[in-house]
Amino acid sequence: MLAETEELQAIVAHLVKEPGVTTSVSQPGPAGWTSSTVVGGGPGADPSTIVFERTRVLPSCHMHSVSFTSHRGLAEVLVIRTWQDPDGSWAIAPIGGGGRGPSRRSKPWVNFTAGFGPDGFAAGGDVEGTGSEMARTVRLTFADGLVMEDAVENGVVLFFEPVGVSFPADAEILDARGGRLARYKVFDGFPFGA
């Protein structure tokens, strides 16, 4: 059975909820992508398609990358943060996600989704692009000097830090020997540090 624990059952219950109300949709960006804000509900996932691609257990929470087919029949991935409340129930906090498609990157790159504020920074995504199969570690170095690292597992990285961070960050994708496959700025469009 997919949902073997209360935590996984809580995640599945969230994923299969019908979507809430869309409150805003952005104008298409240069690549044609749009973003939207939905209040309430869940992604409307087909329960038979839910796959937990990776879970990372951290001291204060768990981070998950979950793929599924949405109520619209689209393949999607969602990064979710969970933690156990004092009453024993599991809190579910979706960080973000979206559709999947073939990578158009000519070098390794992380397709990040992130959430942030003064109480923490959560992010994750697929490592994709030409040469990404050689990626073993992703390191983030923020403007305030904070360094976070994660091992690439199942093509996914997941991060959480329970403090605010300062943007932008340098992302480094490293191979098994610590050699740099790629380095670039991330979160440089964020208007402020947390």
N, C-alpha and C. Protein backbone atom coordinates (compact mmCIF):
# COMPACT_ATOMS: atom_id res chain seq x y z
N MET A 1 0.85 -1.19 0.00
CA MET A 1 0.00 0.00 0.00
C MET A 1 0.89 1.25 0.00
N LEU A 2 0.52 2.25 -0.79
CA LEU A 2 1.32 3.47 -0.92
C LEU A 2 1.47 4.21 0.39
N ALA A 3 0.35 4.48 1.05
CA ALA A 3 0.38 5.28 2.27
C ALA A 3 0.51 4.36 3.48
N GLU A 4 1.75 3.99 3.82
CA GLU A 4 2.00 3.05 4.91
C GLU A 4 2.09 3.73 6.27
N THR A 5 2.31 5.02 6.32
CA THR A 5 2.42 5.72 7.59
C THR A 5 1.41 6.85 7.63
N GLU A 6 1.21 7.38 8.86
CA GLU A 6 0.29 8.51 8.99
C GLU A 6 0.79 9.72 8.20
N GLU A 7 2.10 9.91 8.16
CA GLU A 7 2.66 11.03 7.40
C GLU A 7 2.33 10.88 5.91
N LEU A 8 2.60 9.71 5.36
CA LEU A 8 2.33 9.50 3.94
C LEU A 8 0.83 9.58 3.66
N GLN A 9 0.01 9.08 4.57
CA GLN A 9 -1.45 9.17 4.40
C GLN A 9 -1.89 10.64 4.36
N ALA A 10 -1.28 11.48 5.21
CA ALA A 10 -1.63 12.91 5.22
C ALA A 10 -1.23 13.57 3.91
N ILE A 11 -0.07 13.20 3.37
CA ILE A 11 0.37 13.76 2.09
C ILE A 11 -0.58 13.33 0.98
N VAL A 12 -0.90 12.04 0.93
CA VAL A 12 -1.81 11.54 -0.11
C VAL A 12 -3.17 12.22 0.01
N ALA A 13 -3.67 12.38 1.23
CA ALA A 13 -4.97 13.05 1.42
C ALA A 13 -4.93 14.47 0.86
N HIS A 14 -3.82 15.17 1.06
CA HIS A 14 -3.70 16.51 0.50
C HIS A 14 -3.66 16.47 -1.03
N LEU A 15 -2.87 15.55 -1.58
CA LEU A 15 -2.69 15.50 -3.03
C LEU A 15 -3.99 15.18 -3.77
N VAL A 16 -4.84 14.35 -3.20
CA VAL A 16 -6.06 13.95 -3.93
C VAL A 16 -7.21 14.95 -3.77
N LYS A 17 -7.07 15.94 -2.87
CA LYS A 17 -8.11 16.97 -2.73
C LYS A 17 -8.29 17.71 -4.05
N GLU A 18 -9.52 18.02 -4.36
CA GLU A 18 -9.81 18.83 -5.54
C GLU A 18 -9.22 20.22 -5.36
N PRO A 19 -8.76 20.83 -6.45
CA PRO A 19 -8.16 22.17 -6.36
C PRO A 19 -9.14 23.22 -5.83
N GLY A 20 -8.57 24.22 -5.17
CA GLY A 20 -9.35 25.33 -4.66
C GLY A 20 -9.61 26.35 -5.77
N VAL A 21 -9.77 27.59 -5.37
CA VAL A 21 -10.10 28.68 -6.29
C VAL A 21 -8.82 29.36 -6.77
N THR A 22 -8.68 29.54 -8.09
CA THR A 22 -7.55 30.27 -8.65
C THR A 22 -7.79 31.76 -8.45
N THR A 23 -6.86 32.43 -7.76
CA THR A 23 -7.04 33.85 -7.46
C THR A 23 -6.23 34.76 -8.37
N SER A 24 -5.18 34.23 -9.01
CA SER A 24 -4.42 35.05 -9.95
C SER A 24 -3.64 34.16 -10.90
N VAL A 25 -3.40 34.69 -12.10
CA VAL A 25 -2.59 34.02 -13.12
C VAL A 25 -1.69 35.08 -13.73
N SER A 26 -0.38 34.79 -13.80
CA SER A 26 0.56 35.76 -14.34
C SER A 26 0.49 35.82 -15.86
N GLN A 27 1.06 36.87 -16.40
CA GLN A 27 1.24 36.95 -17.84
C GLN A 27 2.34 35.98 -18.24
N PRO A 28 2.28 35.40 -19.43
CA PRO A 28 3.35 34.49 -19.86
C PRO A 28 4.70 35.20 -19.87
N GLY A 29 5.73 34.49 -19.36
CA GLY A 29 7.09 35.01 -19.38
C GLY A 29 7.72 34.79 -20.75
N PRO A 30 9.01 35.10 -20.90
CA PRO A 30 9.69 34.95 -22.19
C PRO A 30 9.63 33.54 -22.76
N ALA A 31 9.62 32.53 -21.87
CA ALA A 31 9.57 31.14 -22.35
C ALA A 31 8.13 30.65 -22.51
N GLY A 32 7.16 31.51 -22.22
CA GLY A 32 5.76 31.13 -22.35
C GLY A 32 5.13 30.57 -21.10
N TRP A 33 5.90 30.47 -20.00
CA TRP A 33 5.38 29.91 -18.75
C TRP A 33 4.55 30.95 -18.01
N THR A 34 3.57 30.47 -17.28
CA THR A 34 2.78 31.33 -16.40
C THR A 34 2.81 30.73 -15.01
N SER A 35 2.48 31.54 -14.03
CA SER A 35 2.32 31.03 -12.67
C SER A 35 0.91 31.40 -12.22
N SER A 36 0.42 30.66 -11.23
CA SER A 36 -0.92 30.96 -10.73
C SER A 36 -0.94 30.75 -9.23
N THR A 37 -1.90 31.39 -8.57
CA THR A 37 -2.10 31.23 -7.14
C THR A 37 -3.47 30.62 -6.94
N VAL A 38 -3.50 29.51 -6.20
CA VAL A 38 -4.74 28.81 -5.91
C VAL A 38 -4.91 28.79 -4.40
N VAL A 39 -6.10 29.16 -3.93
CA VAL A 39 -6.38 29.19 -2.50
C VAL A 39 -7.22 27.96 -2.14
N GLY A 40 -6.73 27.21 -1.17
CA GLY A 40 -7.45 26.05 -0.68
C GLY A 40 -7.34 24.84 -1.60
N GLY A 41 -7.82 23.73 -1.10
CA GLY A 41 -7.83 22.51 -1.89
C GLY A 41 -6.46 21.91 -2.05
N GLY A 42 -6.34 21.02 -3.01
CA GLY A 42 -5.10 20.34 -3.30
C GLY A 42 -4.91 20.26 -4.80
N PRO A 43 -3.98 19.44 -5.27
CA PRO A 43 -3.72 19.34 -6.71
C PRO A 43 -4.72 18.48 -7.48
N GLY A 44 -5.57 17.72 -6.77
CA GLY A 44 -6.51 16.85 -7.47
C GLY A 44 -5.80 15.68 -8.14
N ALA A 45 -4.84 15.07 -7.46
CA ALA A 45 -4.04 13.98 -8.05
C ALA A 45 -4.85 12.70 -8.19
N ASP A 46 -4.56 11.96 -9.24
CA ASP A 46 -5.09 10.60 -9.40
C ASP A 46 -4.30 9.74 -8.42
N PRO A 47 -4.95 9.15 -7.41
CA PRO A 47 -4.22 8.42 -6.38
C PRO A 47 -3.39 7.25 -6.91
N SER A 48 -3.79 6.66 -8.02
CA SER A 48 -3.05 5.52 -8.56
C SER A 48 -1.73 5.93 -9.20
N THR A 49 -1.51 7.24 -9.39
CA THR A 49 -0.28 7.71 -10.05
C THR A 49 0.72 8.35 -9.10
N ILE A 50 0.41 8.44 -7.82
CA ILE A 50 1.28 9.11 -6.85
C ILE A 50 2.54 8.28 -6.60
N VAL A 51 3.70 8.94 -6.80
CA VAL A 51 5.00 8.29 -6.57
C VAL A 51 5.85 9.21 -5.68
N PHE A 52 6.30 8.67 -4.55
CA PHE A 52 7.21 9.40 -3.68
C PHE A 52 8.61 9.18 -4.25
N GLU A 53 9.14 10.20 -4.93
CA GLU A 53 10.42 10.08 -5.61
C GLU A 53 11.60 10.19 -4.66
N ARG A 54 11.43 11.02 -3.64
CA ARG A 54 12.51 11.17 -2.66
C ARG A 54 11.94 11.79 -1.40
N THR A 55 12.45 11.34 -0.27
CA THR A 55 12.16 11.94 1.03
C THR A 55 13.49 12.20 1.71
N ARG A 56 13.64 13.38 2.27
CA ARG A 56 14.84 13.72 3.05
C ARG A 56 14.39 14.04 4.46
N VAL A 57 14.93 13.30 5.43
CA VAL A 57 14.60 13.49 6.83
C VAL A 57 15.61 14.46 7.43
N LEU A 58 15.12 15.57 7.93
CA LEU A 58 15.95 16.61 8.56
C LEU A 58 15.55 16.73 10.03
N PRO A 59 16.34 17.39 10.87
CA PRO A 59 16.02 17.45 12.30
C PRO A 59 14.63 18.02 12.62
N SER A 60 14.20 19.05 11.90
CA SER A 60 12.93 19.70 12.26
C SER A 60 11.78 19.39 11.30
N CYS A 61 12.06 18.68 10.21
CA CYS A 61 11.01 18.41 9.23
C CYS A 61 11.46 17.34 8.25
N HIS A 62 10.54 16.97 7.38
CA HIS A 62 10.85 16.08 6.27
C HIS A 62 10.54 16.83 4.98
N MET A 63 11.35 16.62 3.98
CA MET A 63 11.12 17.20 2.66
C MET A 63 10.84 16.05 1.69
N HIS A 64 9.87 16.27 0.79
CA HIS A 64 9.45 15.23 -0.14
C HIS A 64 9.35 15.78 -1.56
N SER A 65 9.70 14.95 -2.53
CA SER A 65 9.42 15.22 -3.93
C SER A 65 8.46 14.12 -4.38
N VAL A 66 7.27 14.54 -4.83
CA VAL A 66 6.21 13.60 -5.17
C VAL A 66 5.72 13.89 -6.58
N SER A 67 5.64 12.86 -7.41
CA SER A 67 5.08 13.05 -8.75
C SER A 67 3.71 12.38 -8.82
N PHE A 68 2.89 12.87 -9.75
CA PHE A 68 1.52 12.36 -9.90
C PHE A 68 0.94 12.89 -11.19
N THR A 69 -0.21 12.36 -11.57
CA THR A 69 -0.97 12.90 -12.68
C THR A 69 -2.10 13.72 -12.09
N SER A 70 -2.22 14.97 -12.52
CA SER A 70 -3.22 15.89 -11.95
C SER A 70 -4.62 15.60 -12.49
N HIS A 71 -5.58 16.31 -11.92
CA HIS A 71 -6.97 16.18 -12.37
C HIS A 71 -7.15 16.59 -13.83
N ARG A 72 -6.17 17.32 -14.37
CA ARG A 72 -6.21 17.72 -15.79
C ARG A 72 -5.49 16.72 -16.68
N GLY A 73 -4.98 15.63 -16.08
CA GLY A 73 -4.28 14.61 -16.85
C GLY A 73 -2.83 14.95 -17.16
N LEU A 74 -2.27 15.93 -16.44
CA LEU A 74 -0.90 16.35 -16.68
C LEU A 74 0.04 15.73 -15.66
N ALA A 75 1.25 15.34 -16.11
CA ALA A 75 2.28 14.84 -15.21
C ALA A 75 2.85 16.03 -14.44
N GLU A 76 2.83 15.95 -13.12
CA GLU A 76 3.31 17.04 -12.28
C GLU A 76 4.21 16.50 -11.18
N VAL A 77 4.99 17.41 -10.60
CA VAL A 77 5.83 17.09 -9.44
C VAL A 77 5.60 18.20 -8.42
N LEU A 78 5.61 17.83 -7.14
CA LEU A 78 5.39 18.81 -6.08
C LEU A 78 6.41 18.56 -4.97
N VAL A 79 7.04 19.63 -4.50
CA VAL A 79 7.92 19.56 -3.34
C VAL A 79 7.09 19.94 -2.13
N ILE A 80 7.14 19.09 -1.10
CA ILE A 80 6.31 19.26 0.09
C ILE A 80 7.19 19.17 1.33
N ARG A 81 6.92 20.03 2.29
CA ARG A 81 7.57 19.97 3.61
C ARG A 81 6.54 19.48 4.61
N THR A 82 6.93 18.55 5.48
CA THR A 82 6.05 18.05 6.53
C THR A 82 6.75 18.12 7.88
N TRP A 83 5.96 18.22 8.94
CA TRP A 83 6.47 18.13 10.29
C TRP A 83 5.33 17.67 11.18
N GLN A 84 5.70 17.10 12.33
CA GLN A 84 4.70 16.60 13.24
C GLN A 84 4.36 17.65 14.28
N ASP A 85 3.07 17.95 14.40
CA ASP A 85 2.59 18.91 15.39
C ASP A 85 2.58 18.26 16.77
N PRO A 86 2.50 19.08 17.84
CA PRO A 86 2.50 18.53 19.20
C PRO A 86 1.40 17.49 19.45
N ASP A 87 0.27 17.62 18.75
CA ASP A 87 -0.82 16.65 18.96
C ASP A 87 -0.60 15.34 18.19
N GLY A 88 0.52 15.24 17.47
CA GLY A 88 0.83 14.02 16.74
C GLY A 88 0.40 14.02 15.29
N SER A 89 -0.40 15.00 14.88
CA SER A 89 -0.83 15.07 13.48
C SER A 89 0.31 15.61 12.62
N TRP A 90 0.22 15.37 11.33
CA TRP A 90 1.25 15.82 10.40
C TRP A 90 0.79 17.08 9.66
N ALA A 91 1.62 18.11 9.71
CA ALA A 91 1.37 19.35 8.95
C ALA A 91 1.96 19.18 7.56
N ILE A 92 1.20 19.61 6.55
CA ILE A 92 1.60 19.48 5.14
C ILE A 92 1.75 20.89 4.59
N ALA A 93 2.95 21.22 4.08
CA ALA A 93 3.20 22.55 3.52
C ALA A 93 3.79 22.40 2.12
N PRO A 94 2.94 22.49 1.08
CA PRO A 94 3.48 22.44 -0.28
C PRO A 94 4.39 23.63 -0.54
N ILE A 95 5.55 23.37 -1.12
CA ILE A 95 6.51 24.43 -1.44
C ILE A 95 6.27 24.93 -2.85
N GLY A 96 6.03 24.03 -3.77
CA GLY A 96 5.77 24.40 -5.16
C GLY A 96 6.11 23.26 -6.08
N GLY A 97 5.87 23.47 -7.33
CA GLY A 97 6.14 22.44 -8.33
C GLY A 97 5.54 22.82 -9.65
N GLY A 98 5.29 21.83 -10.46
CA GLY A 98 4.70 22.10 -11.76
C GLY A 98 4.86 20.91 -12.68
N GLY A 99 4.66 21.18 -13.95
CA GLY A 99 4.74 20.13 -14.96
C GLY A 99 6.18 19.73 -15.24
N ARG A 100 6.30 18.59 -15.84
CA ARG A 100 7.61 18.09 -16.24
C ARG A 100 7.67 18.01 -17.75
N GLY A 101 8.85 18.18 -18.26
CA GLY A 101 9.06 18.05 -19.69
C GLY A 101 10.53 17.84 -19.95
N PRO A 102 10.89 17.65 -21.18
CA PRO A 102 12.32 17.45 -21.47
C PRO A 102 13.11 18.72 -21.16
N SER A 103 14.31 18.52 -20.60
CA SER A 103 15.16 19.66 -20.27
C SER A 103 15.73 20.26 -21.54
N ARG A 104 15.82 21.58 -21.54
CA ARG A 104 16.44 22.28 -22.67
C ARG A 104 17.77 22.90 -22.27
N ARG A 105 18.33 22.45 -21.13
CA ARG A 105 19.57 23.00 -20.62
C ARG A 105 20.77 22.27 -21.23
N SER A 106 21.82 23.02 -21.58
CA SER A 106 23.01 22.43 -22.19
C SER A 106 24.05 22.02 -21.14
N LYS A 107 23.76 22.25 -19.86
CA LYS A 107 24.63 21.83 -18.77
C LYS A 107 23.74 21.46 -17.59
N PRO A 108 24.28 20.78 -16.57
CA PRO A 108 23.46 20.45 -15.41
C PRO A 108 22.87 21.71 -14.76
N TRP A 109 21.64 21.57 -14.28
CA TRP A 109 20.89 22.70 -13.73
C TRP A 109 19.81 22.13 -12.81
N VAL A 110 19.48 22.85 -11.74
CA VAL A 110 18.41 22.42 -10.84
C VAL A 110 17.16 23.23 -11.16
N ASN A 111 16.07 22.54 -11.43
CA ASN A 111 14.78 23.19 -11.68
C ASN A 111 14.12 23.42 -10.32
N PHE A 112 14.55 24.51 -9.64
CA PHE A 112 14.14 24.79 -8.26
C PHE A 112 12.72 25.31 -8.15
N THR A 113 12.09 24.92 -7.06
CA THR A 113 10.93 25.60 -6.50
C THR A 113 11.32 25.93 -5.07
N ALA A 114 10.88 27.07 -4.55
CA ALA A 114 11.34 27.49 -3.22
C ALA A 114 10.27 28.27 -2.49
N GLY A 115 10.34 28.20 -1.18
CA GLY A 115 9.51 29.01 -0.30
C GLY A 115 10.42 29.57 0.77
N PHE A 116 10.18 30.80 1.21
CA PHE A 116 11.10 31.43 2.16
C PHE A 116 10.40 32.49 2.98
N GLY A 117 11.02 32.83 4.07
CA GLY A 117 10.56 33.88 4.97
C GLY A 117 11.52 33.96 6.13
N PRO A 118 11.24 34.80 7.11
CA PRO A 118 12.16 34.94 8.23
C PRO A 118 12.29 33.67 9.07
N ASP A 119 11.32 32.76 8.95
CA ASP A 119 11.34 31.53 9.75
C ASP A 119 11.92 30.34 9.01
N GLY A 120 12.39 30.54 7.78
CA GLY A 120 12.99 29.41 7.11
C GLY A 120 13.04 29.51 5.61
N PHE A 121 13.81 28.60 5.03
CA PHE A 121 13.98 28.50 3.58
C PHE A 121 13.82 27.03 3.21
N ALA A 122 12.91 26.75 2.28
CA ALA A 122 12.69 25.39 1.80
C ALA A 122 12.75 25.41 0.28
N ALA A 123 13.42 24.42 -0.30
CA ALA A 123 13.54 24.37 -1.75
C ALA A 123 13.82 22.94 -2.19
N GLY A 124 13.59 22.70 -3.45
CA GLY A 124 13.90 21.41 -4.02
C GLY A 124 13.65 21.43 -5.50
N GLY A 125 14.06 20.36 -6.15
CA GLY A 125 13.81 20.26 -7.58
C GLY A 125 14.62 19.16 -8.23
N ASP A 126 14.30 18.95 -9.49
CA ASP A 126 14.99 17.97 -10.30
C ASP A 126 16.32 18.53 -10.80
N VAL A 127 17.36 17.68 -10.82
CA VAL A 127 18.63 18.03 -11.43
C VAL A 127 18.53 17.51 -12.86
N GLU A 128 18.63 18.42 -13.82
CA GLU A 128 18.40 18.06 -15.21
C GLU A 128 19.42 18.72 -16.12
N GLY A 129 19.31 18.48 -17.41
CA GLY A 129 20.21 19.08 -18.39
C GLY A 129 21.30 18.11 -18.81
N THR A 130 22.01 18.48 -19.85
CA THR A 130 23.10 17.67 -20.39
C THR A 130 24.17 17.46 -19.32
N GLY A 131 24.53 16.22 -19.05
CA GLY A 131 25.54 15.89 -18.05
C GLY A 131 25.01 15.73 -16.64
N SER A 132 23.70 15.91 -16.43
CA SER A 132 23.15 15.85 -15.07
C SER A 132 23.25 14.46 -14.46
N GLU A 133 23.38 13.42 -15.28
CA GLU A 133 23.52 12.06 -14.74
C GLU A 133 24.82 11.91 -13.93
N MET A 134 25.77 12.81 -14.11
CA MET A 134 27.03 12.78 -13.35
C MET A 134 26.93 13.55 -12.03
N ALA A 135 25.86 14.29 -11.82
CA ALA A 135 25.71 15.12 -10.62
C ALA A 135 25.52 14.26 -9.38
N ARG A 136 26.29 14.57 -8.32
CA ARG A 136 26.18 13.83 -7.07
C ARG A 136 25.83 14.73 -5.88
N THR A 137 26.19 16.02 -5.98
CA THR A 137 25.96 16.96 -4.88
C THR A 137 25.58 18.32 -5.45
N VAL A 138 24.67 19.00 -4.76
CA VAL A 138 24.35 20.39 -5.08
C VAL A 138 24.62 21.22 -3.83
N ARG A 139 25.38 22.29 -4.01
CA ARG A 139 25.74 23.19 -2.91
C ARG A 139 25.16 24.56 -3.20
N LEU A 140 24.50 25.15 -2.21
CA LEU A 140 24.00 26.53 -2.29
C LEU A 140 24.78 27.38 -1.32
N THR A 141 25.33 28.50 -1.80
CA THR A 141 26.03 29.46 -0.95
C THR A 141 25.29 30.79 -1.08
N PHE A 142 24.66 31.21 0.01
CA PHE A 142 23.83 32.41 -0.01
C PHE A 142 24.66 33.67 0.22
N ALA A 143 24.08 34.81 -0.08
CA ALA A 143 24.78 36.09 0.02
C ALA A 143 25.28 36.37 1.44
N ASP A 144 24.61 35.80 2.45
CA ASP A 144 25.04 36.01 3.84
C ASP A 144 26.10 34.98 4.28
N GLY A 145 26.55 34.12 3.36
CA GLY A 145 27.58 33.13 3.66
C GLY A 145 27.07 31.77 4.07
N LEU A 146 25.77 31.63 4.30
CA LEU A 146 25.20 30.33 4.66
C LEU A 146 25.40 29.35 3.51
N VAL A 147 25.89 28.15 3.84
CA VAL A 147 26.12 27.11 2.84
C VAL A 147 25.22 25.92 3.17
N MET A 148 24.51 25.43 2.17
CA MET A 148 23.66 24.24 2.30
C MET A 148 24.08 23.26 1.21
N GLU A 149 24.08 21.96 1.54
CA GLU A 149 24.41 20.94 0.55
C GLU A 149 23.41 19.80 0.64
N ASP A 150 23.21 19.15 -0.49
CA ASP A 150 22.41 17.93 -0.51
C ASP A 150 22.96 17.00 -1.58
N ALA A 151 22.89 15.71 -1.30
CA ALA A 151 23.26 14.70 -2.29
C ALA A 151 22.12 14.55 -3.28
N VAL A 152 22.46 14.35 -4.53
CA VAL A 152 21.45 14.09 -5.56
C VAL A 152 21.01 12.64 -5.40
N GLU A 153 19.73 12.44 -5.14
CA GLU A 153 19.16 11.10 -5.03
C GLU A 153 17.95 11.01 -5.94
N ASN A 154 17.96 10.01 -6.80
CA ASN A 154 16.88 9.81 -7.75
C ASN A 154 16.67 11.06 -8.61
N GLY A 155 17.78 11.80 -8.85
CA GLY A 155 17.71 12.99 -9.68
C GLY A 155 17.12 14.21 -9.00
N VAL A 156 16.99 14.18 -7.66
CA VAL A 156 16.30 15.24 -6.91
C VAL A 156 17.18 15.74 -5.77
N VAL A 157 17.11 17.05 -5.49
CA VAL A 157 17.70 17.63 -4.28
C VAL A 157 16.60 18.32 -3.48
N LEU A 158 16.76 18.31 -2.15
CA LEU A 158 15.79 18.90 -1.23
C LEU A 158 16.53 19.63 -0.12
N PHE A 159 16.11 20.86 0.19
CA PHE A 159 16.78 21.69 1.19
C PHE A 159 15.77 22.27 2.17
N PHE A 160 16.19 22.41 3.43
CA PHE A 160 15.44 23.19 4.41
C PHE A 160 16.41 23.74 5.43
N GLU A 161 16.26 25.00 5.76
CA GLU A 161 17.04 25.66 6.81
C GLU A 161 16.05 26.49 7.62
N PRO A 162 15.99 26.29 8.97
CA PRO A 162 14.98 26.98 9.78
C PRO A 162 15.32 28.42 10.14
N VAL A 163 16.04 29.11 9.26
CA VAL A 163 16.35 30.52 9.46
C VAL A 163 16.15 31.24 8.13
N GLY A 164 15.99 32.55 8.20
CA GLY A 164 15.94 33.33 6.98
C GLY A 164 17.30 33.35 6.29
N VAL A 165 17.31 33.49 5.00
CA VAL A 165 18.55 33.55 4.23
C VAL A 165 18.57 34.83 3.41
N SER A 166 19.75 35.20 2.93
CA SER A 166 19.91 36.38 2.09
C SER A 166 20.18 35.96 0.65
N PHE A 167 19.44 36.53 -0.26
CA PHE A 167 19.56 36.20 -1.68
C PHE A 167 20.48 37.20 -2.39
N PRO A 168 21.06 36.82 -3.53
CA PRO A 168 20.93 35.55 -4.25
C PRO A 168 21.83 34.49 -3.65
N ALA A 169 21.87 33.34 -4.33
CA ALA A 169 22.76 32.25 -3.93
C ALA A 169 23.52 31.77 -5.16
N ASP A 170 24.71 31.23 -4.91
CA ASP A 170 25.45 30.52 -5.95
C ASP A 170 25.09 29.06 -5.83
N ALA A 171 24.71 28.44 -6.94
CA ALA A 171 24.45 27.00 -6.99
C ALA A 171 25.64 26.35 -7.67
N GLU A 172 26.17 25.31 -7.03
CA GLU A 172 27.24 24.52 -7.63
C GLU A 172 26.75 23.08 -7.72
N ILE A 173 26.92 22.49 -8.89
CA ILE A 173 26.59 21.08 -9.09
C ILE A 173 27.91 20.34 -9.26
N LEU A 174 28.11 19.35 -8.38
CA LEU A 174 29.40 18.66 -8.31
C LEU A 174 29.25 17.19 -8.69
N ASP A 175 30.34 16.62 -9.25
CA ASP A 175 30.33 15.21 -9.58
C ASP A 175 30.83 14.39 -8.39
N ALA A 176 31.01 13.08 -8.58
CA ALA A 176 31.40 12.17 -7.49
C ALA A 176 32.75 12.52 -6.88
N ARG A 177 33.64 13.14 -7.62
CA ARG A 177 34.97 13.50 -7.11
C ARG A 177 35.03 14.93 -6.58
N GLY A 178 33.90 15.63 -6.59
CA GLY A 178 33.86 17.01 -6.14
C GLY A 178 34.18 18.01 -7.23
N GLY A 179 34.32 17.52 -8.47
CA GLY A 179 34.55 18.43 -9.60
C GLY A 179 33.29 19.18 -9.96
N ARG A 180 33.45 20.43 -10.34
CA ARG A 180 32.31 21.28 -10.65
C ARG A 180 31.79 21.01 -12.06
N LEU A 181 30.52 20.63 -12.15
CA LEU A 181 29.85 20.45 -13.43
C LEU A 181 29.20 21.75 -13.90
N ALA A 182 28.73 22.55 -12.93
CA ALA A 182 28.08 23.83 -13.26
C ALA A 182 28.09 24.72 -12.03
N ARG A 183 28.09 26.03 -12.29
CA ARG A 183 27.95 27.04 -11.24
C ARG A 183 27.20 28.21 -11.84
N TYR A 184 26.19 28.69 -11.10
CA TYR A 184 25.38 29.80 -11.58
C TYR A 184 24.60 30.41 -10.42
N LYS A 185 24.06 31.59 -10.62
CA LYS A 185 23.26 32.28 -9.61
C LYS A 185 21.84 31.73 -9.63
N VAL A 186 21.28 31.59 -8.42
CA VAL A 186 19.88 31.22 -8.28
C VAL A 186 19.22 32.18 -7.31
N PHE A 187 17.92 32.28 -7.43
CA PHE A 187 17.11 33.15 -6.58
C PHE A 187 17.57 34.60 -6.68
N ASP A 188 18.15 34.98 -7.84
CA ASP A 188 18.61 36.36 -7.99
C ASP A 188 17.50 37.31 -8.40
N GLY A 189 16.33 36.76 -8.72
CA GLY A 189 15.19 37.63 -9.03
C GLY A 189 14.35 37.92 -7.81
N PHE A 190 14.72 37.35 -6.65
CA PHE A 190 13.95 37.59 -5.44
C PHE A 190 14.20 39.02 -5.01
N PRO A 191 13.17 39.74 -4.62
CA PRO A 191 13.33 41.16 -4.33
C PRO A 191 14.03 41.49 -3.02
N PHE A 192 14.18 40.51 -2.14
CA PHE A 192 14.76 40.82 -0.84
C PHE A 192 15.24 39.54 -0.19
N GLY A 193 16.07 39.67 0.81
CA GLY A 193 16.47 38.55 1.64
C GLY A 193 15.49 38.42 2.78
N ALA A 194 15.47 37.25 3.33
CA ALA A 194 14.51 37.01 4.42
C ALA A 194 15.04 37.58 5.72
